């Protein structure tokens, strides 16, 4: 899945995405709860496509990418292509 697709398919409120490069598994979207900690780590809410809502979960593992990083990469790619000013 491309960075543009990650942004386009994301639920409202997401802050991170867990991407699985080696398997055909859909990305998992996460929302960091800035108020909750567990063992010194942030608690994340996980998006459930089936239930169309957020559910509290523990700290995710895997290849986490932040929304702000993905948005910046998409912007810089568009600048390189001459699509953005």
Protein backbone atom coordinates (compact mmCIF):
# COMPACT_ATOMS: atom_id res chain seq x y z
CA UNK A 1 0.00 0.00 0.00
CA UNK A 2 1.39 3.41 -0.95
CA UNK A 3 1.66 6.38 1.40
CA UNK A 4 -1.17 8.09 -0.50
CA UNK A 5 -3.38 5.01 -0.04
CA UNK A 6 -2.59 4.88 3.67
CA UNK A 7 -3.76 8.49 4.02
CA UNK A 8 -6.84 8.02 1.83
CA UNK A 9 -8.07 4.87 3.61
CA UNK A 10 -7.39 5.93 7.19
CA UNK A 11 -10.16 6.46 9.76
CA UNK A 12 -10.64 9.88 11.31
CA UNK A 13 -8.44 10.56 14.32
CA UNK A 14 -5.60 8.12 13.57
CA UNK A 15 -2.06 9.00 14.65
CA UNK A 16 -0.08 5.88 13.67
CA UNK A 17 -0.32 2.95 11.30
CA UNK A 18 1.19 -0.52 11.57
CA UNK A 19 2.27 -1.76 8.14
CA UNK A 20 3.04 -5.37 7.29
CA UNK A 21 5.40 -5.40 4.30
CA UNK A 22 6.05 -9.15 4.12
CA UNK A 23 2.46 -10.37 4.23
CA UNK A 24 -0.73 -9.36 2.43
CA UNK A 25 -2.30 -8.10 5.67
CA UNK A 26 -4.23 -4.82 5.65
CA UNK A 27 -2.62 -2.02 7.66
CA UNK A 28 -3.76 -1.53 11.25
CA UNK A 29 -4.58 2.02 12.27
CA UNK A 30 -3.89 3.29 15.79
CA UNK A 31 -4.74 6.42 17.77
CA UNK A 32 -2.42 7.36 20.60
CA UNK A 33 -4.12 8.16 23.89
CA UNK A 34 -1.88 10.92 25.24
CA UNK A 35 -3.43 10.67 28.70
CA UNK A 36 -2.89 6.97 29.44
CA UNK A 37 0.32 5.15 30.26
CA UNK A 38 1.08 1.53 30.94
CA UNK A 39 4.53 0.78 32.29
CA UNK A 40 5.83 4.12 31.04
CA UNK A 41 4.44 3.58 27.52
CA UNK A 42 1.52 5.26 25.78
CA UNK A 43 -1.73 3.36 25.41
CA UNK A 44 -3.09 3.16 21.87
CA UNK A 45 -6.63 2.71 20.62
CA UNK A 46 -6.98 0.32 17.69
CA UNK A 47 -9.38 0.91 14.79
CA UNK A 48 -11.85 -1.88 14.10
CA UNK A 49 -13.16 -1.84 10.53
CA UNK A 50 -15.71 -4.50 11.43
CA UNK A 51 -17.14 -2.45 14.32
CA UNK A 52 -16.41 0.94 12.71
CA UNK A 53 -14.91 2.30 15.91
CA UNK A 54 -11.91 2.65 18.21
CA UNK A 55 -11.09 0.17 20.98
CA UNK A 56 -8.48 0.56 23.70
CA UNK A 57 -5.52 -1.73 23.21
CA UNK A 58 -2.02 -2.08 24.59
CA UNK A 59 1.07 -0.67 22.95
CA UNK A 60 1.29 -2.03 19.40
CA UNK A 61 4.29 -3.91 18.11
CA UNK A 62 5.62 -4.05 14.58
CA UNK A 63 6.51 -1.53 11.95
CA UNK A 64 4.84 1.62 13.28
CA UNK A 65 4.72 4.77 11.18
CA UNK A 66 3.39 8.13 12.31
CA UNK A 67 0.73 10.05 10.43
CA UNK A 68 2.83 13.23 10.41
CA UNK A 69 5.79 11.39 8.83
CA UNK A 70 3.59 9.90 6.11
CA UNK A 71 1.99 13.28 5.36
CA UNK A 72 5.42 14.90 5.09
CA UNK A 73 6.71 12.18 2.75
CA UNK A 74 3.66 12.56 0.49
CA UNK A 75 4.15 16.32 0.39
CA UNK A 76 7.87 16.07 -0.42
CA UNK A 77 7.17 13.51 -3.16
CA UNK A 78 4.67 15.91 -4.71
CA UNK A 79 7.24 18.73 -4.61
CA UNK A 80 9.78 16.53 -6.40
CA UNK A 81 7.19 15.75 -9.08
CA UNK A 82 6.38 19.45 -9.46
CA UNK A 83 2.81 18.99 -8.22
CA UNK A 84 3.13 21.25 -5.14
CA UNK A 85 4.56 24.72 -4.72
